[in-house]
């Protein structure tokens, strides 16, 4: 299987180590991975602010670039959701639309549903905070699974972090309030693993 690695613009600019780690994980699974350097933003920032005309050529470019691959993997729920659920409004009449968008996967989704990993010979004995993103939960229908952990459901479990540039710049007051609540929640949710190790968990 030849995989095209789609790296969102915010990861490219702010968290490039995530892109490198994604490449390493996919390659460690025996996959042939290609990073097409001509890729650009998927157009989500433009679409989120109502600038559909500006987003349309970016969506078309995505189809151009990733059509040749067997699968497209992206380490971002929101960008994957943009491709799968919102490209229809931009390039839905393109004959390549269905085939390209249907083979675009979020990283964890791909490693769970498409190319499953039976086991990983690694150990990570640290406290883990897990935030379920809105796009992952509500549009991609992804849910957390962590073998060996006792998940504690809280009344804040479905809170949105509102940490998008568009949300913060337009709705800074409510966004800051949500972030403050999220930080408080982080200090009040506990989990205990089946191995007796304790830590902090957000779900």
C-alpha atoms as a PDB file:
ATOM      1  CA  UNK A   1       0.000   0.000   0.000  1.00  0.00           C
ATOM      2  CA  UNK A   2       1.326   3.399  -0.989  1.00  0.00           C
ATOM      3  CA  UNK A   3       0.311   6.111   1.450  1.00  0.00           C
ATOM      4  CA  UNK A   4       0.272   9.840   0.817  1.00  0.00           C
ATOM      5  CA  UNK A   5       1.080  11.827   3.962  1.00  0.00           C
ATOM      6  CA  UNK A   6      -1.067  14.939   4.216  1.00  0.00           C
ATOM      7  CA  UNK A   7       0.437  17.373   6.717  1.00  0.00           C
ATOM      8  CA  UNK A   8      -1.872  20.244   7.770  1.00  0.00           C
ATOM      9  CA  UNK A   9      -0.445  23.734   7.446  1.00  0.00           C
ATOM     10  CA  UNK A  10      -0.558  24.408  11.202  1.00  0.00           C
ATOM     11  CA  UNK A  11       1.468  21.264  11.886  1.00  0.00           C
ATOM     12  CA  UNK A  12       3.928  22.174   9.159  1.00  0.00           C
ATOM     13  CA  UNK A  13       4.430  25.644  10.603  1.00  0.00           C
ATOM     14  CA  UNK A  14       4.079  25.063  14.357  1.00  0.00           C
ATOM     15  CA  UNK A  15       4.557  21.366  15.135  1.00  0.00           C
ATOM     16  CA  UNK A  16       6.781  19.859  12.417  1.00  0.00           C
ATOM     17  CA  UNK A  17       7.943  17.143  14.824  1.00  0.00           C
ATOM     18  CA  UNK A  18       4.406  15.724  14.650  1.00  0.00           C
ATOM     19  CA  UNK A  19       4.745  15.334  10.890  1.00  0.00           C
ATOM     20  CA  UNK A  20       8.105  13.594  11.238  1.00  0.00           C
ATOM     21  CA  UNK A  21       6.759  11.298  13.962  1.00  0.00           C
ATOM     22  CA  UNK A  22       3.756  10.430  11.802  1.00  0.00           C
ATOM     23  CA  UNK A  23       6.052   9.480   8.940  1.00  0.00           C
ATOM     24  CA  UNK A  24       8.160   7.317  11.245  1.00  0.00           C
ATOM     25  CA  UNK A  25       5.136   5.534  12.696  1.00  0.00           C
ATOM     26  CA  UNK A  26       3.719   4.724   9.264  1.00  0.00           C
ATOM     27  CA  UNK A  27       7.068   3.527   7.958  1.00  0.00           C
ATOM     28  CA  UNK A  28       7.557   1.349  11.040  1.00  0.00           C
ATOM     29  CA  UNK A  29       4.334  -0.416  10.037  1.00  0.00           C
ATOM     30  CA  UNK A  30       5.925  -1.466   6.765  1.00  0.00           C
ATOM     31  CA  UNK A  31       4.088   1.080   4.630  1.00  0.00           C
ATOM     32  CA  UNK A  32       5.479   2.945   1.644  1.00  0.00           C
ATOM     33  CA  UNK A  33       4.940   6.590   2.535  1.00  0.00           C
ATOM     34  CA  UNK A  34       5.319   9.601   0.296  1.00  0.00           C
ATOM     35  CA  UNK A  35       5.167  13.261   1.284  1.00  0.00           C
ATOM     36  CA  UNK A  36       4.186  15.268  -1.800  1.00  0.00           C
ATOM     37  CA  UNK A  37       5.926  18.603  -1.317  1.00  0.00           C
ATOM     38  CA  UNK A  38       3.501  20.482  -3.550  1.00  0.00           C
ATOM     39  CA  UNK A  39       0.635  20.019  -1.063  1.00  0.00           C
ATOM     40  CA  UNK A  40      -0.990  23.088   0.493  1.00  0.00           C
ATOM     41  CA  UNK A  41      -3.629  23.943   3.074  1.00  0.00           C
ATOM     42  CA  UNK A  42      -6.907  22.033   2.674  1.00  0.00           C
ATOM     43  CA  UNK A  43      -8.852  25.303   2.772  1.00  0.00           C
ATOM     44  CA  UNK A  44     -10.474  24.841   6.173  1.00  0.00           C
ATOM     45  CA  UNK A  45      -9.629  28.335   7.530  1.00  0.00           C
ATOM     46  CA  UNK A  46     -11.213  29.929   4.473  1.00  0.00           C
ATOM     47  CA  UNK A  47     -14.279  27.683   4.573  1.00  0.00           C
ATOM     48  CA  UNK A  48     -14.758  28.319   8.309  1.00  0.00           C
ATOM     49  CA  UNK A  49     -14.921  32.059   7.695  1.00  0.00           C
ATOM     50  CA  UNK A  50     -17.289  31.837   4.735  1.00  0.00           C
ATOM     51  CA  UNK A  51     -14.661  32.396   2.040  1.00  0.00           C
ATOM     52  CA  UNK A  52     -15.686  29.440  -0.114  1.00  0.00           C
ATOM     53  CA  UNK A  53     -14.271  30.914  -3.312  1.00  0.00           C
ATOM     54  CA  UNK A  54     -10.826  31.039  -1.702  1.00  0.00           C
ATOM     55  CA  UNK A  55     -11.130  27.466  -0.389  1.00  0.00           C
ATOM     56  CA  UNK A  56     -12.314  25.912  -3.663  1.00  0.00           C
ATOM     57  CA  UNK A  57      -8.972  25.921  -5.558  1.00  0.00           C
ATOM     58  CA  UNK A  58      -7.218  24.430  -2.518  1.00  0.00           C
ATOM     59  CA  UNK A  59      -9.732  21.586  -2.398  1.00  0.00           C
ATOM     60  CA  UNK A  60      -9.224  20.979  -6.131  1.00  0.00           C
ATOM     61  CA  UNK A  61      -5.460  20.951  -5.622  1.00  0.00           C
ATOM     62  CA  UNK A  62      -5.857  18.356  -2.896  1.00  0.00           C
ATOM     63  CA  UNK A  63      -7.626  16.064  -5.354  1.00  0.00           C
ATOM     64  CA  UNK A  64      -4.873  16.654  -7.925  1.00  0.00           C
ATOM     65  CA  UNK A  65      -2.099  15.765  -5.503  1.00  0.00           C
ATOM     66  CA  UNK A  66      -3.521  12.811  -3.604  1.00  0.00           C
ATOM     67  CA  UNK A  67      -5.502  10.998  -6.288  1.00  0.00           C
ATOM     68  CA  UNK A  68      -2.615   8.590  -7.158  1.00  0.00           C
ATOM     69  CA  UNK A  69      -2.275   7.138  -3.636  1.00  0.00           C
ATOM     70  CA  UNK A  70      -3.943   4.062  -2.195  1.00  0.00           C
ATOM     71  CA  UNK A  71      -4.664   5.953   1.023  1.00  0.00           C
ATOM     72  CA  UNK A  72      -4.107   9.433   2.424  1.00  0.00           C
ATOM     73  CA  UNK A  73      -3.215   9.774   6.108  1.00  0.00           C
ATOM     74  CA  UNK A  74      -3.441  13.002   8.089  1.00  0.00           C
ATOM     75  CA  UNK A  75      -2.448  13.624  11.746  1.00  0.00           C
ATOM     76  CA  UNK A  76      -5.386  15.975  12.284  1.00  0.00           C
ATOM     77  CA  UNK A  77      -9.060  15.274  12.885  1.00  0.00           C
ATOM     78  CA  UNK A  78     -10.289  18.656  11.711  1.00  0.00           C
ATOM     79  CA  UNK A  79      -8.421  18.601   8.390  1.00  0.00           C
ATOM     80  CA  UNK A  80      -9.507  15.021   7.723  1.00  0.00           C
ATOM     81  CA  UNK A  81     -13.073  16.030   8.474  1.00  0.00           C
ATOM     82  CA  UNK A  82     -12.763  19.006   6.156  1.00  0.00           C
ATOM     83  CA  UNK A  83     -11.795  16.709   3.295  1.00  0.00           C
ATOM     84  CA  UNK A  84     -14.354  14.000   3.969  1.00  0.00           C
ATOM     85  CA  UNK A  85     -17.357  16.069   4.986  1.00  0.00           C
ATOM     86  CA  UNK A  86     -16.982  19.554   3.538  1.00  0.00           C
ATOM     87  CA  UNK A  87     -15.239  19.160   0.193  1.00  0.00           C
ATOM     88  CA  UNK A  88     -18.641  18.266  -1.272  1.00  0.00           C
ATOM     89  CA  UNK A  89     -19.610  21.936  -1.128  1.00  0.00           C
ATOM     90  CA  UNK A  90     -16.396  22.928  -2.913  1.00  0.00           C
ATOM     91  CA  UNK A  91     -15.551  20.194  -5.423  1.00  0.00           C
ATOM     92  CA  UNK A  92     -18.470  17.779  -5.135  1.00  0.00           C
ATOM     93  CA  UNK A  93     -19.009  17.791  -8.902  1.00  0.00           C
ATOM     94  CA  UNK A  94     -15.425  16.686  -9.592  1.00  0.00           C
ATOM     95  CA  UNK A  95     -15.361  13.036 -10.777  1.00  0.00           C
ATOM     96  CA  UNK A  96     -12.424  12.347  -8.445  1.00  0.00           C
ATOM     97  CA  UNK A  97     -14.176  13.675  -5.366  1.00  0.00           C
ATOM     98  CA  UNK A  98     -15.632  10.432  -4.004  1.00  0.00           C
ATOM     99  CA  UNK A  99     -12.591   8.236  -4.576  1.00  0.00           C
ATOM    100  CA  UNK A 100     -10.088  10.670  -3.046  1.00  0.00           C
ATOM    101  CA  UNK A 101     -12.100  11.832  -0.046  1.00  0.00           C
ATOM    102  CA  UNK A 102     -13.211   8.301   0.896  1.00  0.00           C
ATOM    103  CA  UNK A 103      -9.594   7.125   1.185  1.00  0.00           C
ATOM    104  CA  UNK A 104      -8.516  10.027   3.430  1.00  0.00           C
ATOM    105  CA  UNK A 105      -8.042   8.970   7.054  1.00  0.00           C
ATOM    106  CA  UNK A 106      -7.043  10.485  10.360  1.00  0.00           C
ATOM    107  CA  UNK A 107      -3.832   8.837  11.608  1.00  0.00           C
ATOM    108  CA  UNK A 108      -5.256   6.838  14.537  1.00  0.00           C
ATOM    109  CA  UNK A 109      -8.304   5.890  12.480  1.00  0.00           C
ATOM    110  CA  UNK A 110      -6.043   4.520   9.751  1.00  0.00           C
ATOM    111  CA  UNK A 111      -3.933   2.489  12.174  1.00  0.00           C
ATOM    112  CA  UNK A 112      -7.047   1.081  13.831  1.00  0.00           C
ATOM    113  CA  UNK A 113      -9.449   0.462  10.947  1.00  0.00           C
ATOM    114  CA  UNK A 114      -7.423   0.238   7.740  1.00  0.00           C
ATOM    115  CA  UNK A 115      -3.951  -1.019   8.651  1.00  0.00           C
ATOM    116  CA  UNK A 116      -4.402  -2.378  12.193  1.00  0.00           C
ATOM    117  CA  UNK A 117      -1.465  -2.622  14.560  1.00  0.00           C
ATOM    118  CA  UNK A 118      -1.596  -5.834  16.577  1.00  0.00           C
ATOM    119  CA  UNK A 119       1.009  -4.784  19.117  1.00  0.00           C
ATOM    120  CA  UNK A 120       3.688  -2.150  19.658  1.00  0.00           C
ATOM    121  CA  UNK A 121       6.921  -2.978  21.431  1.00  0.00           C
ATOM    122  CA  UNK A 122       7.140   0.297  23.329  1.00  0.00           C
ATOM    123  CA  UNK A 123       6.548   1.523  26.864  1.00  0.00           C
ATOM    124  CA  UNK A 124       5.329   4.953  27.951  1.00  0.00           C
ATOM    125  CA  UNK A 125       5.188   5.052  31.776  1.00  0.00           C
ATOM    126  CA  UNK A 126       3.977   8.637  32.095  1.00  0.00           C
ATOM    127  CA  UNK A 127       0.819  10.522  32.926  1.00  0.00           C
ATOM    128  CA  UNK A 128      -1.342  11.124  29.883  1.00  0.00           C
ATOM    129  CA  UNK A 129      -3.902  13.822  29.170  1.00  0.00           C
ATOM    130  CA  UNK A 130      -6.334  12.984  26.379  1.00  0.00           C
ATOM    131  CA  UNK A 131      -8.544  15.605  24.758  1.00  0.00           C
ATOM    132  CA  UNK A 132     -11.241  14.344  22.434  1.00  0.00           C
ATOM    133  CA  UNK A 133     -11.490  16.831  19.587  1.00  0.00           C
ATOM    134  CA  UNK A 134     -14.877  18.009  18.337  1.00  0.00           C
ATOM    135  CA  UNK A 135     -14.180  16.983  14.739  1.00  0.00           C
ATOM    136  CA  UNK A 136     -12.962  13.570  15.831  1.00  0.00           C
ATOM    137  CA  UNK A 137     -15.993  12.877  17.996  1.00  0.00           C
ATOM    138  CA  UNK A 138     -18.809  14.505  16.083  1.00  0.00           C
ATOM    139  CA  UNK A 139     -17.813  14.217  12.436  1.00  0.00           C
ATOM    140  CA  UNK A 140     -15.328  11.355  12.199  1.00  0.00           C
ATOM    141  CA  UNK A 141     -17.009   9.383  15.027  1.00  0.00           C
ATOM    142  CA  UNK A 142     -13.702   8.491  16.647  1.00  0.00           C
ATOM    143  CA  UNK A 143     -13.635   7.408  20.263  1.00  0.00           C
ATOM    144  CA  UNK A 144     -10.809   6.860  22.705  1.00  0.00           C
ATOM    145  CA  UNK A 145      -9.464   3.383  23.351  1.00  0.00           C
ATOM    146  CA  UNK A 146      -6.563   2.743  25.693  1.00  0.00           C
ATOM    147  CA  UNK A 147      -5.906  -0.837  26.712  1.00  0.00           C
ATOM    148  CA  UNK A 148      -5.210  -1.175  30.407  1.00  0.00           C
ATOM    149  CA  UNK A 149      -6.684   2.171  31.474  1.00  0.00           C
ATOM    150  CA  UNK A 150      -9.846   2.689  33.442  1.00  0.00           C
ATOM    151  CA  UNK A 151     -11.608   5.574  31.716  1.00  0.00           C
ATOM    152  CA  UNK A 152     -13.605   7.890  33.953  1.00  0.00           C
ATOM    153  CA  UNK A 153     -16.459   9.713  32.233  1.00  0.00           C
ATOM    154  CA  UNK A 154     -16.991  13.257  33.483  1.00  0.00           C
ATOM    155  CA  UNK A 155     -19.758  15.742  32.962  1.00  0.00           C
ATOM    156  CA  UNK A 156     -17.282  17.884  31.005  1.00  0.00           C
ATOM    157  CA  UNK A 157     -16.313  15.082  28.649  1.00  0.00           C
ATOM    158  CA  UNK A 158     -17.799  16.639  25.528  1.00  0.00           C
ATOM    159  CA  UNK A 159     -16.562  20.199  26.057  1.00  0.00           C
ATOM    160  CA  UNK A 160     -15.040  21.859  23.034  1.00  0.00           C
ATOM    161  CA  UNK A 161     -11.640  23.468  23.510  1.00  0.00           C
ATOM    162  CA  UNK A 162     -12.449  26.227  20.966  1.00  0.00           C
ATOM    163  CA  UNK A 163      -8.744  26.521  20.213  1.00  0.00           C
ATOM    164  CA  UNK A 164      -9.001  27.380  16.541  1.00  0.00           C
ATOM    165  CA  UNK A 165      -7.583  30.625  15.222  1.00  0.00           C
ATOM    166  CA  UNK A 166     -10.969  31.574  13.783  1.00  0.00           C
ATOM    167  CA  UNK A 167     -12.840  30.899  17.026  1.00  0.00           C
ATOM    168  CA  UNK A 168     -10.371  32.739  19.205  1.00  0.00           C
ATOM    169  CA  UNK A 169     -10.028  35.794  16.968  1.00  0.00           C
ATOM    170  CA  UNK A 170     -13.784  36.247  16.560  1.00  0.00           C
ATOM    171  CA  UNK A 171     -15.076  34.977  19.912  1.00  0.00           C
ATOM    172  CA  UNK A 172     -12.158  35.614  22.241  1.00  0.00           C
ATOM    173  CA  UNK A 173     -14.210  36.093  25.446  1.00  0.00           C
ATOM    174  CA  UNK A 174     -16.227  32.827  25.336  1.00  0.00           C
ATOM    175  CA  UNK A 175     -13.207  30.969  23.983  1.00  0.00           C
ATOM    176  CA  UNK A 176     -11.050  32.097  26.909  1.00  0.00           C
ATOM    177  CA  UNK A 177     -13.816  31.007  29.292  1.00  0.00           C
ATOM    178  CA  UNK A 178     -13.921  27.538  27.751  1.00  0.00           C
ATOM    179  CA  UNK A 179     -10.130  27.244  27.918  1.00  0.00           C
ATOM    180  CA  UNK A 180     -10.142  28.240  31.604  1.00  0.00           C
ATOM    181  CA  UNK A 181     -12.757  25.579  32.351  1.00  0.00           C
ATOM    182  CA  UNK A 182     -10.691  23.043  30.419  1.00  0.00           C
ATOM    183  CA  UNK A 183      -7.598  23.820  32.479  1.00  0.00           C
ATOM    184  CA  UNK A 184      -9.575  23.484  35.710  1.00  0.00           C
ATOM    185  CA  UNK A 185     -10.988  20.170  34.538  1.00  0.00           C
ATOM    186  CA  UNK A 186      -7.474  18.895  33.900  1.00  0.00           C
ATOM    187  CA  UNK A 187      -6.650  19.161  37.601  1.00  0.00           C
ATOM    188  CA  UNK A 188      -9.802  17.375  38.757  1.00  0.00           C
ATOM    189  CA  UNK A 189     -10.122  14.215  36.674  1.00  0.00           C
ATOM    190  CA  UNK A 190      -8.270  11.124  37.831  1.00  0.00           C
ATOM    191  CA  UNK A 191      -7.738   7.724  36.318  1.00  0.00           C
ATOM    192  CA  UNK A 192      -6.120   4.579  37.601  1.00  0.00           C
ATOM    193  CA  UNK A 193      -4.638   1.973  35.296  1.00  0.00           C
ATOM    194  CA  UNK A 194      -5.101  -1.745  35.777  1.00  0.00           C
ATOM    195  CA  UNK A 195      -1.436  -1.926  36.676  1.00  0.00           C
ATOM    196  CA  UNK A 196      -1.970   0.307  39.690  1.00  0.00           C
ATOM    197  CA  UNK A 197      -0.388   3.429  38.218  1.00  0.00           C
ATOM    198  CA  UNK A 198      -2.308   6.675  38.804  1.00  0.00           C
ATOM    199  CA  UNK A 199      -2.326   9.923  36.885  1.00  0.00           C
ATOM    200  CA  UNK A 200      -4.515  12.558  35.316  1.00  0.00           C
ATOM    201  CA  UNK A 201      -6.838  11.881  32.416  1.00  0.00           C
ATOM    202  CA  UNK A 202      -9.067  14.123  30.355  1.00  0.00           C
ATOM    203  CA  UNK A 203     -11.708  12.379  28.269  1.00  0.00           C
END
